Amino acid sequence: MSTVIDTLIYDRTQADVNRVFTLKNKILTEGLNALSAEEKAEYMAGMKGAYNYTDMNRVGQAVAYIANRMTSLPSELAAYRAEKGVDDDSIYEVPYDPASVVVSAKTDWVMGDTPTQSLAKAYLNNLTVLRKQLTLPADAPAVPTTLDQLTYTTANNIEYLLYLIDLTLTEVETELYSKIDRTVAAFAYVNLCYSGE
């Protein structure tokens, strides 16, 4: 199943940025008609080396997706425990406070939109909220303090951070479901062992 996480981009290079500037300079000096059909299609499709509304929307969608997973996981686990007949216990709880997962993900950026300081602050705050929920690998990128003078490395780090948060959440989810399943298996084993005596 493909999710927005599968579309995150964190492998931009300086060559990608250079390609944007090459085409942009060609347009500025010779006009849009100077581009070949392939170059025009490449430029209009949203180039990997540029950071624009499509990137902002993708990050917003990923933030919303992860936040939704984080807030719905506790009730999904509770329903699974109830289905399996496993009582509530702290060992089956998520390692974060779902009530603190409050984001305001903007996913409706359009061409020409410019992030205001307040929108940029909210954009980065969403990342901060998600990042602090889980213990991430030591090499997980920090949340940038600003979007001013955004580099391709910072853009990569933003999307890689979201990828790592989602990956870590999946690991937490898998382990919690596994604990419930192991409890059920242990009950079955104990009942099997003592049922004939």
C-alpha atoms as a PDB file:
ATOM      1  CA  MET A   1       0.000   0.000   0.000  1.00  0.00           C
ATOM      2  CA  SER A   2       1.471   3.303  -1.084  1.00  0.00           C
ATOM      3  CA  THR A   3       1.243   6.280   1.241  1.00  0.00           C
ATOM      4  CA  VAL A   4       2.498   9.834   1.132  1.00  0.00           C
ATOM      5  CA  ILE A   5       5.549   8.559   3.024  1.00  0.00           C
ATOM      6  CA  ASP A   6       6.542   6.659  -0.128  1.00  0.00           C
ATOM      7  CA  THR A   7       6.627   9.944  -2.054  1.00  0.00           C
ATOM      8  CA  LEU A   8       8.955  11.806   0.312  1.00  0.00           C
ATOM      9  CA  ILE A   9      12.097  13.142  -1.361  1.00  0.00           C
ATOM     10  CA  TYR A  10      15.345  13.139   0.586  1.00  0.00           C
ATOM     11  CA  ASP A  11      17.924  12.449  -2.114  1.00  0.00           C
ATOM     12  CA  ARG A  12      18.150  15.890  -3.756  1.00  0.00           C
ATOM     13  CA  THR A  13      21.646  16.808  -4.972  1.00  0.00           C
ATOM     14  CA  GLN A  14      23.485  19.937  -6.033  1.00  0.00           C
ATOM     15  CA  ALA A  15      23.136  18.685  -9.612  1.00  0.00           C
ATOM     16  CA  ASP A  16      19.335  18.797  -9.192  1.00  0.00           C
ATOM     17  CA  VAL A  17      19.570  22.401  -8.011  1.00  0.00           C
ATOM     18  CA  ASN A  18      21.933  23.291 -10.860  1.00  0.00           C
ATOM     19  CA  ARG A  19      19.478  21.851 -13.381  1.00  0.00           C
ATOM     20  CA  VAL A  20      16.718  24.136 -12.068  1.00  0.00           C
ATOM     21  CA  PHE A  21      18.976  27.171 -12.425  1.00  0.00           C
ATOM     22  CA  THR A  22      20.054  26.123 -15.926  1.00  0.00           C
ATOM     23  CA  LEU A  23      16.475  25.979 -17.153  1.00  0.00           C
ATOM     24  CA  LYS A  24      15.430  29.061 -15.208  1.00  0.00           C
ATOM     25  CA  ASN A  25      18.310  31.085 -16.682  1.00  0.00           C
ATOM     26  CA  LYS A  26      17.415  29.879 -20.153  1.00  0.00           C
ATOM     27  CA  ILE A  27      13.846  31.094 -19.635  1.00  0.00           C
ATOM     28  CA  LEU A  28      14.987  34.445 -18.219  1.00  0.00           C
ATOM     29  CA  THR A  29      17.435  35.154 -21.032  1.00  0.00           C
ATOM     30  CA  GLU A  30      15.690  33.600 -24.044  1.00  0.00           C
ATOM     31  CA  GLY A  31      12.084  33.107 -22.987  1.00  0.00           C
ATOM     32  CA  LEU A  32       9.957  30.035 -22.272  1.00  0.00           C
ATOM     33  CA  ASN A  33       9.917  29.092 -25.954  1.00  0.00           C
ATOM     34  CA  ALA A  34      13.678  28.551 -25.797  1.00  0.00           C
ATOM     35  CA  LEU A  35      13.065  25.353 -23.860  1.00  0.00           C
ATOM     36  CA  SER A  36      12.664  22.133 -25.775  1.00  0.00           C
ATOM     37  CA  ALA A  37       9.415  20.218 -25.287  1.00  0.00           C
ATOM     38  CA  GLU A  38      11.233  17.852 -22.906  1.00  0.00           C
ATOM     39  CA  GLU A  39      12.774  20.735 -20.931  1.00  0.00           C
ATOM     40  CA  LYS A  40       9.427  22.505 -20.713  1.00  0.00           C
ATOM     41  CA  ALA A  41       7.744  19.341 -19.435  1.00  0.00           C
ATOM     42  CA  GLU A  42      10.569  18.808 -16.936  1.00  0.00           C
ATOM     43  CA  TYR A  43      10.372  22.411 -15.702  1.00  0.00           C
ATOM     44  CA  MET A  44       6.588  22.467 -15.393  1.00  0.00           C
ATOM     45  CA  ALA A  45       6.390  19.073 -13.660  1.00  0.00           C
ATOM     46  CA  GLY A  46       8.053  20.371 -10.492  1.00  0.00           C
ATOM     47  CA  MET A  47      11.753  19.772 -10.487  1.00  0.00           C
ATOM     48  CA  LYS A  48      13.475  17.854  -7.739  1.00  0.00           C
ATOM     49  CA  GLY A  49      16.034  20.638  -7.233  1.00  0.00           C
ATOM     50  CA  ALA A  50      13.376  23.282  -6.596  1.00  0.00           C
ATOM     51  CA  TYR A  51      11.367  23.663  -3.425  1.00  0.00           C
ATOM     52  CA  ASN A  52       7.871  24.835  -4.183  1.00  0.00           C
ATOM     53  CA  TYR A  53       4.207  24.381  -3.323  1.00  0.00           C
ATOM     54  CA  THR A  54       4.225  20.686  -4.274  1.00  0.00           C
ATOM     55  CA  ASP A  55       6.991  20.031  -1.736  1.00  0.00           C
ATOM     56  CA  MET A  56       5.171  22.035   0.937  1.00  0.00           C
ATOM     57  CA  ASN A  57       1.960  20.082   0.278  1.00  0.00           C
ATOM     58  CA  ARG A  58       3.779  16.729   0.371  1.00  0.00           C
ATOM     59  CA  VAL A  59       5.330  17.591   3.749  1.00  0.00           C
ATOM     60  CA  GLY A  60       1.945  18.793   5.039  1.00  0.00           C
ATOM     61  CA  GLN A  61       0.301  15.573   3.884  1.00  0.00           C
ATOM     62  CA  ALA A  62       3.026  13.480   5.537  1.00  0.00           C
ATOM     63  CA  VAL A  63       2.648  15.431   8.786  1.00  0.00           C
ATOM     64  CA  ALA A  64      -1.134  14.916   8.749  1.00  0.00           C
ATOM     65  CA  TYR A  65      -0.723  11.211   7.916  1.00  0.00           C
ATOM     66  CA  ILE A  66       1.759  10.572  10.742  1.00  0.00           C
ATOM     67  CA  ALA A  67      -0.226  12.624  13.264  1.00  0.00           C
ATOM     68  CA  ASN A  68      -3.358  10.661  12.373  1.00  0.00           C
ATOM     69  CA  ARG A  69      -1.495   7.370  12.837  1.00  0.00           C
ATOM     70  CA  MET A  70      -0.177   8.518  16.205  1.00  0.00           C
ATOM     71  CA  THR A  71      -3.549   9.636  17.522  1.00  0.00           C
ATOM     72  CA  SER A  72      -5.504   6.624  16.246  1.00  0.00           C
ATOM     73  CA  LEU A  73      -3.019   3.905  17.270  1.00  0.00           C
ATOM     74  CA  PRO A  74      -4.045   3.747  20.970  1.00  0.00           C
ATOM     75  CA  SER A  75      -7.703   3.071  20.143  1.00  0.00           C
ATOM     76  CA  GLU A  76      -6.731   0.563  17.449  1.00  0.00           C
ATOM     77  CA  LEU A  77      -4.572  -1.283  19.971  1.00  0.00           C
ATOM     78  CA  ALA A  78      -7.381  -1.198  22.550  1.00  0.00           C
ATOM     79  CA  ALA A  79      -9.796  -2.688  20.021  1.00  0.00           C
ATOM     80  CA  TYR A  80      -7.275  -5.394  19.129  1.00  0.00           C
ATOM     81  CA  ARG A  81      -6.705  -6.235  22.824  1.00  0.00           C
ATOM     82  CA  ALA A  82     -10.465  -6.443  23.371  1.00  0.00           C
ATOM     83  CA  GLU A  83     -10.847  -8.711  20.340  1.00  0.00           C
ATOM     84  CA  LYS A  84      -8.104 -10.984  21.681  1.00  0.00           C
ATOM     85  CA  GLY A  85      -9.346 -10.889  25.271  1.00  0.00           C
ATOM     86  CA  VAL A  86      -6.235  -9.187  26.645  1.00  0.00           C
ATOM     87  CA  ASP A  87      -6.731  -6.785  29.570  1.00  0.00           C
ATOM     88  CA  ASP A  88      -5.372  -3.256  29.455  1.00  0.00           C
ATOM     89  CA  ASP A  89      -1.877  -2.869  30.852  1.00  0.00           C
ATOM     90  CA  SER A  90       0.836  -0.218  30.564  1.00  0.00           C
ATOM     91  CA  ILE A  91       3.018  -2.611  28.551  1.00  0.00           C
ATOM     92  CA  TYR A  92       0.541  -2.224  25.675  1.00  0.00           C
ATOM     93  CA  GLU A  93       0.541   1.585  25.709  1.00  0.00           C
ATOM     94  CA  VAL A  94       2.190   3.820  23.132  1.00  0.00           C
ATOM     95  CA  PRO A  95       5.363   5.544  24.384  1.00  0.00           C
ATOM     96  CA  TYR A  96       3.985   9.051  23.789  1.00  0.00           C
ATOM     97  CA  ASP A  97       1.030  11.173  24.806  1.00  0.00           C
ATOM     98  CA  PRO A  98      -1.473  11.060  21.920  1.00  0.00           C
ATOM     99  CA  ALA A  99      -3.145  14.219  23.233  1.00  0.00           C
ATOM    100  CA  SER A 100       0.085  16.153  22.607  1.00  0.00           C
ATOM    101  CA  VAL A 101       0.082  15.242  18.904  1.00  0.00           C
ATOM    102  CA  VAL A 102      -1.526  18.476  17.756  1.00  0.00           C
ATOM    103  CA  VAL A 103      -0.507  19.733  14.323  1.00  0.00           C
ATOM    104  CA  SER A 104      -1.893  22.198  11.815  1.00  0.00           C
ATOM    105  CA  ALA A 105      -0.753  20.684   8.542  1.00  0.00           C
ATOM    106  CA  LYS A 106      -1.341  22.927   5.542  1.00  0.00           C
ATOM    107  CA  THR A 107      -1.892  20.849   2.399  1.00  0.00           C
ATOM    108  CA  ASP A 108      -3.456  23.371   0.051  1.00  0.00           C
ATOM    109  CA  TRP A 109      -0.462  25.380  -1.141  1.00  0.00           C
ATOM    110  CA  VAL A 110      -0.817  26.596  -4.735  1.00  0.00           C
ATOM    111  CA  MET A 111       1.636  27.950  -7.265  1.00  0.00           C
ATOM    112  CA  GLY A 112       2.603  31.466  -6.305  1.00  0.00           C
ATOM    113  CA  ASP A 113       1.978  31.065  -2.565  1.00  0.00           C
ATOM    114  CA  THR A 114       4.771  32.445  -0.419  1.00  0.00           C
ATOM    115  CA  PRO A 115       5.099  31.160   3.127  1.00  0.00           C
ATOM    116  CA  THR A 116       4.688  33.971   5.638  1.00  0.00           C
ATOM    117  CA  GLN A 117       6.754  33.879   8.811  1.00  0.00           C
ATOM    118  CA  SER A 118       3.748  32.541  10.737  1.00  0.00           C
ATOM    119  CA  LEU A 119       3.105  29.799   8.146  1.00  0.00           C
ATOM    120  CA  ALA A 120       6.793  28.842   8.136  1.00  0.00           C
ATOM    121  CA  LYS A 121       6.756  28.735  11.943  1.00  0.00           C
ATOM    122  CA  ALA A 122       3.688  26.470  11.935  1.00  0.00           C
ATOM    123  CA  TYR A 123       5.316  24.272   9.248  1.00  0.00           C
ATOM    124  CA  LEU A 124       8.399  23.759  11.424  1.00  0.00           C
ATOM    125  CA  ASN A 125       6.365  23.441  14.647  1.00  0.00           C
ATOM    126  CA  ASN A 126       4.494  20.487  13.116  1.00  0.00           C
ATOM    127  CA  LEU A 127       7.838  18.749  12.613  1.00  0.00           C
ATOM    128  CA  THR A 128       8.881  19.550  16.196  1.00  0.00           C
ATOM    129  CA  VAL A 129       5.620  18.136  17.593  1.00  0.00           C
ATOM    130  CA  LEU A 130       6.066  14.852  15.711  1.00  0.00           C
ATOM    131  CA  ARG A 131       9.807  14.552  16.342  1.00  0.00           C
ATOM    132  CA  LYS A 132       9.486  14.777  20.124  1.00  0.00           C
ATOM    133  CA  GLN A 133       6.952  11.932  20.350  1.00  0.00           C
ATOM    134  CA  LEU A 134       9.340   9.046  19.737  1.00  0.00           C
ATOM    135  CA  THR A 135      12.931   8.107  20.397  1.00  0.00           C
ATOM    136  CA  LEU A 136      14.512   8.345  16.961  1.00  0.00           C
ATOM    137  CA  PRO A 137      17.853   7.013  15.740  1.00  0.00           C
ATOM    138  CA  ALA A 138      20.847   9.096  16.849  1.00  0.00           C
ATOM    139  CA  ASP A 139      21.451  10.302  13.294  1.00  0.00           C
ATOM    140  CA  ALA A 140      17.913  11.647  12.842  1.00  0.00           C
ATOM    141  CA  PRO A 141      18.020  15.225  11.562  1.00  0.00           C
ATOM    142  CA  ALA A 142      17.047  18.076  13.818  1.00  0.00           C
ATOM    143  CA  VAL A 143      14.129  20.286  12.885  1.00  0.00           C
ATOM    144  CA  PRO A 144      15.467  23.386  11.126  1.00  0.00           C
ATOM    145  CA  THR A 145      15.037  26.637  13.017  1.00  0.00           C
ATOM    146  CA  THR A 146      14.001  28.529   9.897  1.00  0.00           C
ATOM    147  CA  LEU A 147      13.068  28.083   6.250  1.00  0.00           C
ATOM    148  CA  ASP A 148      15.070  31.183   5.303  1.00  0.00           C
ATOM    149  CA  GLN A 149      17.799  30.388   2.783  1.00  0.00           C
ATOM    150  CA  LEU A 150      16.574  26.820   2.467  1.00  0.00           C
ATOM    151  CA  THR A 151      19.179  24.492   0.967  1.00  0.00           C
ATOM    152  CA  TYR A 152      18.642  21.156  -0.724  1.00  0.00           C
ATOM    153  CA  THR A 153      20.277  19.505   2.296  1.00  0.00           C
ATOM    154  CA  THR A 154      17.762  21.092   4.663  1.00  0.00           C
ATOM    155  CA  ALA A 155      14.911  20.109   2.342  1.00  0.00           C
ATOM    156  CA  ASN A 156      16.238  16.537   2.315  1.00  0.00           C
ATOM    157  CA  ASN A 157      16.513  16.546   6.113  1.00  0.00           C
ATOM    158  CA  ILE A 158      12.900  17.693   6.551  1.00  0.00           C
ATOM    159  CA  GLU A 159      11.540  14.852   4.466  1.00  0.00           C
ATOM    160  CA  TYR A 160      14.013  12.270   5.786  1.00  0.00           C
ATOM    161  CA  LEU A 161      12.975  13.198   9.330  1.00  0.00           C
ATOM    162  CA  LEU A 162       9.352  12.464   8.441  1.00  0.00           C
ATOM    163  CA  TYR A 163      10.399   9.152   6.907  1.00  0.00           C
ATOM    164  CA  LEU A 164      12.270   8.215  10.125  1.00  0.00           C
ATOM    165  CA  ILE A 165       9.365   9.230  12.357  1.00  0.00           C
ATOM    166  CA  ASP A 166       6.996   7.076  10.321  1.00  0.00           C
ATOM    167  CA  LEU A 167       9.465   4.161  10.312  1.00  0.00           C
ATOM    168  CA  THR A 168       9.934   4.400  14.085  1.00  0.00           C
ATOM    169  CA  LEU A 169       6.175   4.600  14.616  1.00  0.00           C
ATOM    170  CA  THR A 170       5.756   1.462  12.507  1.00  0.00           C
ATOM    171  CA  GLU A 171       8.354  -0.319  14.665  1.00  0.00           C
ATOM    172  CA  VAL A 172       6.535   0.757  17.847  1.00  0.00           C
ATOM    173  CA  GLU A 173       3.200  -0.359  16.398  1.00  0.00           C
ATOM    174  CA  THR A 174       4.587  -3.719  15.305  1.00  0.00           C
ATOM    175  CA  GLU A 175       6.106  -4.359  18.733  1.00  0.00           C
ATOM    176  CA  LEU A 176       2.891  -3.468  20.575  1.00  0.00           C
ATOM    177  CA  TYR A 177       0.776  -5.750  18.390  1.00  0.00           C
ATOM    178  CA  SER A 178       3.401  -8.454  18.857  1.00  0.00           C
ATOM    179  CA  LYS A 179       3.190  -8.096  22.661  1.00  0.00           C
ATOM    180  CA  ILE A 180      -0.550  -8.614  22.493  1.00  0.00           C
ATOM    181  CA  ASP A 181      -0.127 -11.657  20.242  1.00  0.00           C
ATOM    182  CA  ARG A 182       2.557 -13.114  22.526  1.00  0.00           C
ATOM    183  CA  THR A 183       0.238 -12.651  25.510  1.00  0.00           C
ATOM    184  CA  VAL A 184      -2.541 -14.486  23.674  1.00  0.00           C
ATOM    185  CA  ALA A 185      -0.111 -17.270  22.728  1.00  0.00           C
ATOM    186  CA  ALA A 186       1.076 -17.538  26.337  1.00  0.00           C
ATOM    187  CA  PHE A 187      -2.528 -17.817  27.554  1.00  0.00           C
ATOM    188  CA  ALA A 188      -3.213 -20.515  24.990  1.00  0.00           C
ATOM    189  CA  TYR A 189      -0.078 -22.392  26.042  1.00  0.00           C
ATOM    190  CA  VAL A 190      -0.916 -22.187  29.749  1.00  0.00           C
ATOM    191  CA  ASN A 191      -4.520 -23.341  29.171  1.00  0.00           C
ATOM    192  CA  LEU A 192      -3.322 -26.175  26.940  1.00  0.00           C
ATOM    193  CA  CYS A 193      -0.793 -27.359  29.518  1.00  0.00           C
ATOM    194  CA  TYR A 194      -3.215 -27.386  32.408  1.00  0.00           C
ATOM    195  CA  SER A 195      -6.449 -28.335  30.675  1.00  0.00           C
ATOM    196  CA  GLY A 196      -5.767 -32.095  30.880  1.00  0.00           C
ATOM    197  CA  GLU A 197      -4.713 -32.213  34.511  1.00  0.00           C
END
